[in-house]
Amino acid sequence: MNPKTGDYAASEPETRAIIDLIFDNPQIAAVLHFGLQNNLSVPEQFDQRKASERIVKSWTNNDAQVSAFVSKIYNDAVKPLGEAPKMQQGKGNFSPTVIIIPENSAS
């Protein structure tokens, strides 16, 4: 899609469909994907070394801060429920847990 995005950026049809949906609908202000890797209760991390590689393999520092913010809200909300069962980590995939936030809902 852009220079330095890798040889296969958006090569999977489901990834390309989401990208097209987002670009075709400028009213979408944010897209959050919470998948099987537990990136909701455990926030994503910024890694300067991975962020500095030719093909960026890390969340940006700003995005990692947003992830930490969302995780804190989630963890505070579910704390009264007790510990959730732990899921075994595995390779990521596009799960059916995509949340699209319309522009007028983001604040």
PDB file of N, CA and C in Angstrom:
ATOM      1  N   MET A   1       0.817  -1.190   0.000  1.00  0.00           N
ATOM      2  CA  MET A   1       0.000   0.000   0.000  1.00  0.00           C
ATOM      3  C   MET A   1       0.863   1.257   0.000  1.00  0.00           C
ATOM      4  N   ASN A   2       1.901   1.270   0.810  1.00  0.00           N
ATOM      5  CA  ASN A   2       2.821   2.408   0.868  1.00  0.00           C
ATOM      6  C   ASN A   2       4.249   1.898   0.837  1.00  0.00           C
ATOM      7  N   PRO A   3       5.209   2.746   0.443  1.00  0.00           N
ATOM      8  CA  PRO A   3       6.601   2.315   0.500  1.00  0.00           C
ATOM      9  C   PRO A   3       6.967   1.867   1.907  1.00  0.00           C
ATOM     10  N   LYS A   4       7.778   0.840   1.989  1.00  0.00           N
ATOM     11  CA  LYS A   4       8.303   0.304   3.250  1.00  0.00           C
ATOM     12  C   LYS A   4       7.245  -0.363   4.124  1.00  0.00           C
ATOM     13  N   THR A   5       6.096  -0.763   3.551  1.00  0.00           N
ATOM     14  CA  THR A   5       5.096  -1.467   4.348  1.00  0.00           C
ATOM     15  C   THR A   5       5.257  -2.976   4.241  1.00  0.00           C
ATOM     16  N   GLY A   6       6.259  -3.424   3.528  1.00  0.00           N
ATOM     17  CA  GLY A   6       6.490  -4.858   3.399  1.00  0.00           C
ATOM     18  C   GLY A   6       6.022  -5.366   2.054  1.00  0.00           C
ATOM     19  N   ASP A   7       6.485  -6.551   1.748  1.00  0.00           N
ATOM     20  CA  ASP A   7       6.179  -7.146   0.449  1.00  0.00           C
ATOM     21  C   ASP A   7       4.724  -7.570   0.314  1.00  0.00           C
ATOM     22  N   TYR A   8       4.065  -7.881   1.431  1.00  0.00           N
ATOM     23  CA  TYR A   8       2.721  -8.443   1.370  1.00  0.00           C
ATOM     24  C   TYR A   8       1.716  -7.657   2.214  1.00  0.00           C
ATOM     25  N   ALA A   9       1.869  -6.364   2.268  1.00  0.00           N
ATOM     26  CA  ALA A   9       0.937  -5.539   3.056  1.00  0.00           C
ATOM     27  C   ALA A   9      -0.480  -5.718   2.539  1.00  0.00           C
ATOM     28  N   ALA A  10      -1.384  -6.067   3.426  1.00  0.00           N
ATOM     29  CA  ALA A  10      -2.808  -6.259   3.104  1.00  0.00           C
ATOM     30  C   ALA A  10      -3.009  -7.301   2.011  1.00  0.00           C
ATOM     31  N   SER A  11      -2.196  -8.348   2.035  1.00  0.00           N
ATOM     32  CA  SER A  11      -2.296  -9.373   0.987  1.00  0.00           C
ATOM     33  C   SER A  11      -3.451 -10.341   1.209  1.00  0.00           C
ATOM     34  N   GLU A  12      -3.926 -10.469   2.447  1.00  0.00           N
ATOM     35  CA  GLU A  12      -5.035 -11.372   2.717  1.00  0.00           C
ATOM     36  C   GLU A  12      -6.354 -10.670   2.403  1.00  0.00           C
ATOM     37  N   PRO A  13      -7.294 -11.364   1.784  1.00  0.00           N
ATOM     38  CA  PRO A  13      -8.544 -10.714   1.374  1.00  0.00           C
ATOM     39  C   PRO A  13      -9.320 -10.096   2.541  1.00  0.00           C
ATOM     40  N   GLU A  14      -9.329 -10.763   3.699  1.00  0.00           N
ATOM     41  CA  GLU A  14     -10.075 -10.204   4.827  1.00  0.00           C
ATOM     42  C   GLU A  14      -9.403  -8.942   5.372  1.00  0.00           C
ATOM     43  N   THR A  15      -8.080  -8.896   5.315  1.00  0.00           N
ATOM     44  CA  THR A  15      -7.360  -7.694   5.744  1.00  0.00           C
ATOM     45  C   THR A  15      -7.634  -6.561   4.770  1.00  0.00           C
ATOM     46  N   ARG A  16      -7.562  -6.862   3.494  1.00  0.00           N
ATOM     47  CA  ARG A  16      -7.803  -5.850   2.468  1.00  0.00           C
ATOM     48  C   ARG A  16      -9.246  -5.333   2.547  1.00  0.00           C
ATOM     49  N   ALA A  17     -10.206  -6.207   2.844  1.00  0.00           N
ATOM     50  CA  ALA A  17     -11.604  -5.786   2.946  1.00  0.00           C
ATOM     51  C   ALA A  17     -11.791  -4.778   4.082  1.00  0.00           C
ATOM     52  N   ILE A  18     -11.151  -5.028   5.215  1.00  0.00           N
ATOM     53  CA  ILE A  18     -11.255  -4.089   6.346  1.00  0.00           C
ATOM     54  C   ILE A  18     -10.600  -2.767   5.984  1.00  0.00           C
ATOM     55  N   ILE A  19      -9.440  -2.816   5.355  1.00  0.00           N
ATOM     56  CA  ILE A  19      -8.747  -1.584   4.958  1.00  0.00           C
ATOM     57  C   ILE A  19      -9.611  -0.786   3.979  1.00  0.00           C
ATOM     58  N   ASP A  20     -10.172  -1.473   2.997  1.00  0.00           N
ATOM     59  CA  ASP A  20     -11.044  -0.783   2.036  1.00  0.00           C
ATOM     60  C   ASP A  20     -12.255  -0.169   2.728  1.00  0.00           C
ATOM     61  N   LEU A  21     -12.860  -0.909   3.664  1.00  0.00           N
ATOM     62  CA  LEU A  21     -14.002  -0.396   4.407  1.00  0.00           C
ATOM     63  C   LEU A  21     -13.638   0.891   5.148  1.00  0.00           C
ATOM     64  N   ILE A  22     -12.494   0.888   5.792  1.00  0.00           N
ATOM     65  CA  ILE A  22     -12.061   2.059   6.562  1.00  0.00           C
ATOM     66  C   ILE A  22     -11.800   3.249   5.640  1.00  0.00           C
ATOM     67  N   PHE A  23     -11.088   3.031   4.543  1.00  0.00           N
ATOM     68  CA  PHE A  23     -10.782   4.134   3.632  1.00  0.00           C
ATOM     69  C   PHE A  23     -12.017   4.636   2.893  1.00  0.00           C
ATOM     70  N   ASP A  24     -12.996   3.754   2.664  1.00  0.00           N
ATOM     71  CA  ASP A  24     -14.227   4.162   1.982  1.00  0.00           C
ATOM     72  C   ASP A  24     -15.214   4.873   2.906  1.00  0.00           C
ATOM     73  N   ASN A  25     -14.950   4.852   4.204  1.00  0.00           N
ATOM     74  CA  ASN A  25     -15.852   5.451   5.193  1.00  0.00           C
ATOM     75  C   ASN A  25     -15.079   6.379   6.122  1.00  0.00           C
ATOM     76  N   PRO A  26     -14.828   7.612   5.676  1.00  0.00           N
ATOM     77  CA  PRO A  26     -14.009   8.530   6.477  1.00  0.00           C
ATOM     78  C   PRO A  26     -14.631   8.887   7.829  1.00  0.00           C
ATOM     79  N   GLN A  27     -15.918   8.546   8.036  1.00  0.00           N
ATOM     80  CA  GLN A  27     -16.538   8.819   9.331  1.00  0.00           C
ATOM     81  C   GLN A  27     -16.027   7.864  10.415  1.00  0.00           C
ATOM     82  N   ILE A  28     -15.334   6.785  10.051  1.00  0.00           N
ATOM     83  CA  ILE A  28     -14.762   5.868  11.037  1.00  0.00           C
ATOM     84  C   ILE A  28     -13.517   6.531  11.620  1.00  0.00           C
ATOM     85  N   ALA A  29     -13.554   6.778  12.927  1.00  0.00           N
ATOM     86  CA  ALA A  29     -12.456   7.482  13.584  1.00  0.00           C
ATOM     87  C   ALA A  29     -11.434   6.528  14.194  1.00  0.00           C
ATOM     88  N   ALA A  30     -11.862   5.327  14.539  1.00  0.00           N
ATOM     89  CA  ALA A  30     -10.940   4.372  15.158  1.00  0.00           C
ATOM     90  C   ALA A  30     -11.444   2.957  14.924  1.00  0.00           C
ATOM     91  N   VAL A  31     -10.508   2.035  14.826  1.00  0.00           N
ATOM     92  CA  VAL A  31     -10.833   0.622  14.738  1.00  0.00           C
ATOM     93  C   VAL A  31      -9.973  -0.085  15.774  1.00  0.00           C
ATOM     94  N   LEU A  32     -10.627  -0.806  16.652  1.00  0.00           N
ATOM     95  CA  LEU A  32      -9.912  -1.560  17.672  1.00  0.00           C
ATOM     96  C   LEU A  32     -10.148  -3.036  17.430  1.00  0.00           C
ATOM     97  N   HIS A  33      -9.105  -3.817  17.464  1.00  0.00           N
ATOM     98  CA  HIS A  33      -9.242  -5.257  17.289  1.00  0.00           C
ATOM     99  C   HIS A  33      -8.718  -5.942  18.538  1.00  0.00           C
ATOM    100  N   PHE A  34      -9.594  -6.675  19.198  1.00  0.00           N
ATOM    101  CA  PHE A  34      -9.206  -7.444  20.366  1.00  0.00           C
ATOM    102  C   PHE A  34      -9.318  -8.906  19.981  1.00  0.00           C
ATOM    103  N   GLY A  35      -8.196  -9.582  19.971  1.00  0.00           N
ATOM    104  CA  GLY A  35      -8.178 -10.942  19.478  1.00  0.00           C
ATOM    105  C   GLY A  35      -7.819 -11.962  20.532  1.00  0.00           C
ATOM    106  N   LEU A  36      -7.422 -13.119  20.077  1.00  0.00           N
ATOM    107  CA  LEU A  36      -7.143 -14.247  20.940  1.00  0.00           C
ATOM    108  C   LEU A  36      -5.838 -14.101  21.727  1.00  0.00           C
ATOM    109  N   GLN A  37      -5.032 -13.118  21.421  1.00  0.00           N
ATOM    110  CA  GLN A  37      -3.745 -12.944  22.094  1.00  0.00           C
ATOM    111  C   GLN A  37      -3.858 -12.161  23.392  1.00  0.00           C
ATOM    112  N   ASN A  38      -5.040 -11.891  23.885  1.00  0.00           N
ATOM    113  CA  ASN A  38      -5.271 -11.167  25.129  1.00  0.00           C
ATOM    114  C   ASN A  38      -4.658  -9.774  25.085  1.00  0.00           C
ATOM    115  N   ASN A  39      -4.912  -9.044  24.037  1.00  0.00           N
ATOM    116  CA  ASN A  39      -4.422  -7.672  23.963  1.00  0.00           C
ATOM    117  C   ASN A  39      -5.450  -6.690  24.509  1.00  0.00           C
ATOM    118  N   LEU A  40      -6.384  -7.188  25.312  1.00  0.00           N
ATOM    119  CA  LEU A  40      -7.337  -6.307  25.979  1.00  0.00           C
ATOM    120  C   LEU A  40      -6.943  -6.126  27.436  1.00  0.00           C
ATOM    121  N   SER A  41      -6.781  -7.214  28.174  1.00  0.00           N
ATOM    122  CA  SER A  41      -6.411  -7.070  29.584  1.00  0.00           C
ATOM    123  C   SER A  41      -4.909  -6.862  29.765  1.00  0.00           C
ATOM    124  N   VAL A  42      -4.126  -7.273  28.793  1.00  0.00           N
ATOM    125  CA  VAL A  42      -2.676  -7.050  28.823  1.00  0.00           C
ATOM    126  C   VAL A  42      -2.349  -6.134  27.641  1.00  0.00           C
ATOM    127  N   PRO A  43      -1.977  -4.881  27.909  1.00  0.00           N
ATOM    128  CA  PRO A  43      -1.795  -3.931  26.799  1.00  0.00           C
ATOM    129  C   PRO A  43      -0.614  -4.280  25.905  1.00  0.00           C
ATOM    130  N   GLU A  44      -0.710  -3.835  24.661  1.00  0.00           N
ATOM    131  CA  GLU A  44       0.405  -3.965  23.729  1.00  0.00           C
ATOM    132  C   GLU A  44       1.566  -3.110  24.225  1.00  0.00           C
ATOM    133  N   GLN A  45       2.776  -3.498  23.849  1.00  0.00           N
ATOM    134  CA  GLN A  45       3.980  -2.799  24.315  1.00  0.00           C
ATOM    135  C   GLN A  45       4.708  -2.139  23.147  1.00  0.00           C
ATOM    136  N   PHE A  46       5.342  -1.033  23.438  1.00  0.00           N
ATOM    137  CA  PHE A  46       6.206  -0.356  22.465  1.00  0.00           C
ATOM    138  C   PHE A  46       7.602  -0.947  22.580  1.00  0.00           C
ATOM    139  N   ASP A  47       8.211  -1.272  21.463  1.00  0.00           N
ATOM    140  CA  ASP A  47       9.574  -1.815  21.430  1.00  0.00           C
ATOM    141  C   ASP A  47      10.385  -0.969  20.457  1.00  0.00           C
ATOM    142  N   GLN A  48      11.253  -0.123  20.985  1.00  0.00           N
ATOM    143  CA  GLN A  48      12.024   0.816  20.164  1.00  0.00           C
ATOM    144  C   GLN A  48      12.832   0.098  19.089  1.00  0.00           C
ATOM    145  N   ARG A  49      13.453  -1.030  19.438  1.00  0.00           N
ATOM    146  CA  ARG A  49      14.268  -1.758  18.464  1.00  0.00           C
ATOM    147  C   ARG A  49      13.393  -2.249  17.311  1.00  0.00           C
ATOM    148  N   LYS A  50      12.259  -2.863  17.628  1.00  0.00           N
ATOM    149  CA  LYS A  50      11.364  -3.363  16.578  1.00  0.00           C
ATOM    150  C   LYS A  50      10.710  -2.221  15.803  1.00  0.00           C
ATOM    151  N   ALA A  51      10.484  -1.107  16.461  1.00  0.00           N
ATOM    152  CA  ALA A  51       9.877   0.047  15.796  1.00  0.00           C
ATOM    153  C   ALA A  51      10.856   0.721  14.843  1.00  0.00           C
ATOM    154  N   SER A  52      12.143   0.483  15.030  1.00  0.00           N
ATOM    155  CA  SER A  52      13.175   1.114  14.196  1.00  0.00           C
ATOM    156  C   SER A  52      13.589   0.253  13.008  1.00  0.00           C
ATOM    157  N   GLU A  53      13.067  -0.949  12.900  1.00  0.00           N
ATOM    158  CA  GLU A  53      13.428  -1.823  11.788  1.00  0.00           C
ATOM    159  C   GLU A  53      12.796  -1.320  10.492  1.00  0.00           C
ATOM    160  N   ARG A  54      13.338  -1.771   9.356  1.00  0.00           N
ATOM    161  CA  ARG A  54      12.805  -1.349   8.054  1.00  0.00           C
ATOM    162  C   ARG A  54      11.324  -1.691   7.949  1.00  0.00           C
ATOM    163  N   ILE A  55      10.960  -2.890   8.351  1.00  0.00           N
ATOM    164  CA  ILE A  55       9.556  -3.271   8.435  1.00  0.00           C
ATOM    165  C   ILE A  55       9.194  -3.190   9.916  1.00  0.00           C
ATOM    166  N   VAL A  56       8.405  -2.207  10.260  1.00  0.00           N
ATOM    167  CA  VAL A  56       8.075  -1.940  11.662  1.00  0.00           C
ATOM    168  C   VAL A  56       7.306  -3.126  12.234  1.00  0.00           C
ATOM    169  N   LYS A  57       7.791  -3.636  13.381  1.00  0.00           N
ATOM    170  CA  LYS A  57       7.178  -4.808  14.012  1.00  0.00           C
ATOM    171  C   LYS A  57       6.735  -4.503  15.437  1.00  0.00           C
ATOM    172  N   SER A  58       6.471  -3.247  15.702  1.00  0.00           N
ATOM    173  CA  SER A  58       6.046  -2.846  17.040  1.00  0.00           C
ATOM    174  C   SER A  58       4.942  -1.820  16.932  1.00  0.00           C
ATOM    175  N   TRP A  59       4.100  -1.784  17.948  1.00  0.00           N
ATOM    176  CA  TRP A  59       3.150  -0.686  18.044  1.00  0.00           C
ATOM    177  C   TRP A  59       3.931   0.588  18.253  1.00  0.00           C
ATOM    178  N   THR A  60       3.386   1.710  17.838  1.00  0.00           N
ATOM    179  CA  THR A  60       4.037   2.991  18.137  1.00  0.00           C
ATOM    180  C   THR A  60       3.896   3.271  19.625  1.00  0.00           C
ATOM    181  N   ASN A  61       4.727   4.148  20.138  1.00  0.00           N
ATOM    182  CA  ASN A  61       4.658   4.499  21.548  1.00  0.00           C
ATOM    183  C   ASN A  61       3.286   5.083  21.893  1.00  0.00           C
ATOM    184  N   ASN A  62       2.772   5.975  21.040  1.00  0.00           N
ATOM    185  CA  ASN A  62       1.453   6.567  21.293  1.00  0.00           C
ATOM    186  C   ASN A  62       0.356   5.507  21.295  1.00  0.00           C
ATOM    187  N   ASP A  63       0.398   4.586  20.336  1.00  0.00           N
ATOM    188  CA  ASP A  63      -0.617   3.537  20.269  1.00  0.00           C
ATOM    189  C   ASP A  63      -0.520   2.598  21.470  1.00  0.00           C
ATOM    190  N   ALA A  64       0.694   2.318  21.931  1.00  0.00           N
ATOM    191  CA  ALA A  64       0.864   1.484  23.120  1.00  0.00           C
ATOM    192  C   ALA A  64       0.276   2.175  24.352  1.00  0.00           C
ATOM    193  N   GLN A  65       0.388   3.499  24.405  1.00  0.00           N
ATOM    194  CA  GLN A  65      -0.212   4.231  25.518  1.00  0.00           C
ATOM    195  C   GLN A  65      -1.742   4.148  25.468  1.00  0.00           C
ATOM    196  N   VAL A  66      -2.312   4.222  24.274  1.00  0.00           N
ATOM    197  CA  VAL A  66      -3.762   4.067  24.139  1.00  0.00           C
ATOM    198  C   VAL A  66      -4.168   2.653  24.549  1.00  0.00           C
ATOM    199  N   SER A  67      -3.400   1.665  24.133  1.00  0.00           N
ATOM    200  CA  SER A  67      -3.678   0.284  24.516  1.00  0.00           C
ATOM    201  C   SER A  67      -3.649   0.127  26.034  1.00  0.00           C
ATOM    202  N   ALA A  68      -2.687   0.755  26.695  1.00  0.00           N
ATOM    203  CA  ALA A  68      -2.605   0.697  28.164  1.00  0.00           C
ATOM    204  C   ALA A  68      -3.817   1.370  28.796  1.00  0.00           C
ATOM    205  N   PHE A  69      -4.260   2.481  28.224  1.00  0.00           N
ATOM    206  CA  PHE A  69      -5.430   3.200  28.729  1.00  0.00           C
ATOM    207  C   PHE A  69      -6.680   2.324  28.636  1.00  0.00           C
ATOM    208  N   VAL A  70      -6.891   1.713  27.457  1.00  0.00           N
ATOM    209  CA  VAL A  70      -8.053   0.848  27.251  1.00  0.00           C
ATOM    210  C   VAL A  70      -7.980  -0.359  28.187  1.00  0.00           C
ATOM    211  N   SER A  71      -6.792  -0.940  28.335  1.00  0.00           N
ATOM    212  CA  SER A  71      -6.631  -2.090  29.230  1.00  0.00           C
ATOM    213  C   SER A  71      -6.959  -1.740  30.665  1.00  0.00           C
ATOM    214  N   LYS A  72      -6.557  -0.555  31.098  1.00  0.00           N
ATOM    215  CA  LYS A  72      -6.854  -0.139  32.474  1.00  0.00           C
ATOM    216  C   LYS A  72      -8.358  -0.011  32.677  1.00  0.00           C
ATOM    217  N   ILE A  73      -9.042   0.607  31.720  1.00  0.00           N
ATOM    218  CA  ILE A  73     -10.499   0.737  31.826  1.00  0.00           C
ATOM    219  C   ILE A  73     -11.137  -0.647  31.907  1.00  0.00           C
ATOM    220  N   TYR A  74     -10.715  -1.532  31.025  1.00  0.00           N
ATOM    221  CA  TYR A  74     -11.262  -2.889  31.011  1.00  0.00           C
ATOM    222  C   TYR A  74     -10.976  -3.609  32.324  1.00  0.00           C
ATOM    223  N   ASN A  75      -9.724  -3.592  32.764  1.00  0.00           N
ATOM    224  CA  ASN A  75      -9.339  -4.300  33.983  1.00  0.00           C
ATOM    225  C   ASN A  75     -10.065  -3.762  35.205  1.00  0.00           C
ATOM    226  N   ASP A  76     -10.236  -2.453  35.278  1.00  0.00           N
ATOM    227  CA  ASP A  76     -10.976  -1.864  36.390  1.00  0.00           C
ATOM    228  C   ASP A  76     -12.440  -2.313  36.370  1.00  0.00           C
ATOM    229  N   ALA A  77     -13.009  -2.431  35.173  1.00  0.00           N
ATOM    230  CA  ALA A  77     -14.417  -2.805  35.040  1.00  0.00           C
ATOM    231  C   ALA A  77     -14.652  -4.271  35.400  1.00  0.00           C
ATOM    232  N   VAL A  78     -13.703  -5.145  35.069  1.00  0.00           N
ATOM    233  CA  VAL A  78     -13.928  -6.574  35.303  1.00  0.00           C
ATOM    234  C   VAL A  78     -13.315  -7.075  36.607  1.00  0.00           C
ATOM    235  N   LYS A  79     -12.561  -6.243  37.292  1.00  0.00           N
ATOM    236  CA  LYS A  79     -11.910  -6.663  38.537  1.00  0.00           C
ATOM    237  C   LYS A  79     -12.896  -7.291  39.522  1.00  0.00           C
ATOM    238  N   PRO A  80     -14.093  -6.710  39.707  1.00  0.00           N
ATOM    239  CA  PRO A  80     -15.040  -7.319  40.652  1.00  0.00           C
ATOM    240  C   PRO A  80     -15.479  -8.738  40.259  1.00  0.00           C
ATOM    241  N   LEU A  81     -15.270  -9.125  39.012  1.00  0.00           N
ATOM    242  CA  LEU A  81     -15.700 -10.446  38.543  1.00  0.00           C
ATOM    243  C   LEU A  81     -14.709 -11.549  38.895  1.00  0.00           C
ATOM    244  N   GLY A  82     -13.510 -11.180  39.340  1.00  0.00           N
ATOM    245  CA  GLY A  82     -12.483 -12.178  39.656  1.00  0.00           C
ATOM    246  C   GLY A  82     -11.638 -12.521  38.437  1.00  0.00           C
ATOM    247  N   GLU A  83     -10.751 -13.486  38.618  1.00  0.00           N
ATOM    248  CA  GLU A  83      -9.826 -13.884  37.553  1.00  0.00           C
ATOM    249  C   GLU A  83     -10.542 -14.625  36.424  1.00  0.00           C
ATOM    250  N   ALA A  84     -10.239 -14.253  35.207  1.00  0.00           N
ATOM    251  CA  ALA A  84     -10.771 -14.951  34.037  1.00  0.00           C
ATOM    252  C   ALA A  84      -9.879 -16.146  33.728  1.00  0.00           C
ATOM    253  N   PRO A  85     -10.404 -17.156  33.078  1.00  0.00           N
ATOM    254  CA  PRO A  85      -9.562 -18.286  32.674  1.00  0.00           C
ATOM    255  C   PRO A  85      -8.500 -17.818  31.689  1.00  0.00           C
ATOM    256  N   LYS A  86      -7.313 -18.361  31.800  1.00  0.00           N
ATOM    257  CA  LYS A  86      -6.203 -17.996  30.914  1.00  0.00           C
ATOM    258  C   LYS A  86      -6.304 -18.778  29.610  1.00  0.00           C
ATOM    259  N   MET A  87      -6.024 -18.085  28.497  1.00  0.00           N
ATOM    260  CA  MET A  87      -6.010 -18.747  27.192  1.00  0.00           C
ATOM    261  C   MET A  87      -4.574 -18.984  26.771  1.00  0.00           C
ATOM    262  N   GLN A  88      -4.335 -20.105  26.145  1.00  0.00           N
ATOM    263  CA  GLN A  88      -3.011 -20.409  25.640  1.00  0.00           C
ATOM    264  C   GLN A  88      -2.706 -19.492  24.469  1.00  0.00           C
ATOM    265  N   GLN A  89      -1.487 -18.944  24.454  1.00  0.00           N
ATOM    266  CA  GLN A  89      -1.126 -18.059  23.353  1.00  0.00           C
ATOM    267  C   GLN A  89      -0.796 -18.878  22.116  1.00  0.00           C
ATOM    268  N   GLY A  90      -1.110 -18.309  20.982  1.00  0.00           N
ATOM    269  CA  GLY A  90      -0.821 -18.950  19.708  1.00  0.00           C
ATOM    270  C   GLY A  90      -0.667 -17.890  18.651  1.00  0.00           C
ATOM    271  N   LYS A  91      -0.554 -18.314  17.419  1.00  0.00           N
ATOM    272  CA  LYS A  91      -0.431 -17.358  16.326  1.00  0.00           C
ATOM    273  C   LYS A  91      -1.706 -16.541  16.217  1.00  0.00           C
ATOM    274  N   GLY A  92      -1.560 -15.276  15.925  1.00  0.00           N
ATOM    275  CA  GLY A  92      -2.719 -14.398  15.781  1.00  0.00           C
ATOM    276  C   GLY A  92      -3.490 -14.696  14.518  1.00  0.00           C
ATOM    277  N   ASN A  93      -4.712 -14.261  14.497  1.00  0.00           N
ATOM    278  CA  ASN A  93      -5.527 -14.388  13.303  1.00  0.00           C
ATOM    279  C   ASN A  93      -6.594 -13.310  13.354  1.00  0.00           C
ATOM    280  N   PHE A  94      -7.316 -13.171  12.282  1.00  0.00           N
ATOM    281  CA  PHE A  94      -8.364 -12.172  12.242  1.00  0.00           C
ATOM    282  C   PHE A  94      -9.594 -12.780  12.884  1.00  0.00           C
ATOM    283  N   SER A  95      -9.872 -12.355  14.087  1.00  0.00           N
ATOM    284  CA  SER A  95     -11.007 -12.928  14.810  1.00  0.00           C
ATOM    285  C   SER A  95     -12.250 -12.084  14.568  1.00  0.00           C
ATOM    286  N   PRO A  96     -13.421 -12.579  14.951  1.00  0.00           N
ATOM    287  CA  PRO A  96     -14.666 -11.850  14.727  1.00  0.00           C
ATOM    288  C   PRO A  96     -14.942 -10.800  15.801  1.00  0.00           C
ATOM    289  N   THR A  97     -13.895 -10.257  16.404  1.00  0.00           N
ATOM    290  CA  THR A  97     -14.092  -9.321  17.511  1.00  0.00           C
ATOM    291  C   THR A  97     -13.622  -7.923  17.134  1.00  0.00           C
ATOM    292  N   VAL A  98     -13.984  -7.470  15.967  1.00  0.00           N
ATOM    293  CA  VAL A  98     -13.616  -6.133  15.527  1.00  0.00           C
ATOM    294  C   VAL A  98     -14.681  -5.147  15.992  1.00  0.00           C
ATOM    295  N   ILE A  99     -14.246  -4.043  16.547  1.00  0.00           N
ATOM    296  CA  ILE A  99     -15.165  -2.998  16.985  1.00  0.00           C
ATOM    297  C   ILE A  99     -14.879  -1.765  16.141  1.00  0.00           C
ATOM    298  N   ILE A 100     -15.865  -1.237  15.463  1.00  0.00           N
ATOM    299  CA  ILE A 100     -15.692  -0.031  14.660  1.00  0.00           C
ATOM    300  C   ILE A 100     -16.422   1.098  15.386  1.00  0.00           C
ATOM    301  N   ILE A 101     -15.678   2.160  15.690  1.00  0.00           N
ATOM    302  CA  ILE A 101     -16.244   3.279  16.418  1.00  0.00           C
ATOM    303  C   ILE A 101     -16.489   4.425  15.440  1.00  0.00           C
ATOM    304  N   PRO A 102     -17.750   4.810  15.195  1.00  0.00           N
ATOM    305  CA  PRO A 102     -18.019   5.934  14.302  1.00  0.00           C
ATOM    306  C   PRO A 102     -17.417   7.221  14.860  1.00  0.00           C
ATOM    307  N   GLU A 103     -17.067   8.125  13.976  1.00  0.00           N
ATOM    308  CA  GLU A 103     -16.390   9.362  14.354  1.00  0.00           C
ATOM    309  C   GLU A 103     -17.161  10.132  15.419  1.00  0.00           C
ATOM    310  N   ASN A 104     -18.462  10.225  15.307  1.00  0.00           N
ATOM    311  CA  ASN A 104     -19.223  11.025  16.270  1.00  0.00           C
ATOM    312  C   ASN A 104     -19.326  10.365  17.638  1.00  0.00           C
ATOM    313  N   SER A 105     -18.881   9.094  17.760  1.00  0.00           N
ATOM    314  CA  SER A 105     -18.913   8.407  19.056  1.00  0.00           C
ATOM    315  C   SER A 105     -17.597   8.523  19.789  1.00  0.00           C
ATOM    316  N   ALA A 106     -16.509   8.814  19.081  1.00  0.00           N
ATOM    317  CA  ALA A 106     -15.178   8.872  19.705  1.00  0.00           C
ATOM    318  C   ALA A 106     -15.046  10.192  20.459  1.00  0.00           C
ATOM    319  N   SER A 107     -14.485  10.098  21.645  1.00  0.00           N
ATOM    320  CA  SER A 107     -14.221  11.330  22.395  1.00  0.00           C
ATOM    321  C   SER A 107     -13.001  11.163  23.250  1.00  0.00           C
TER     322      SER A 107
END
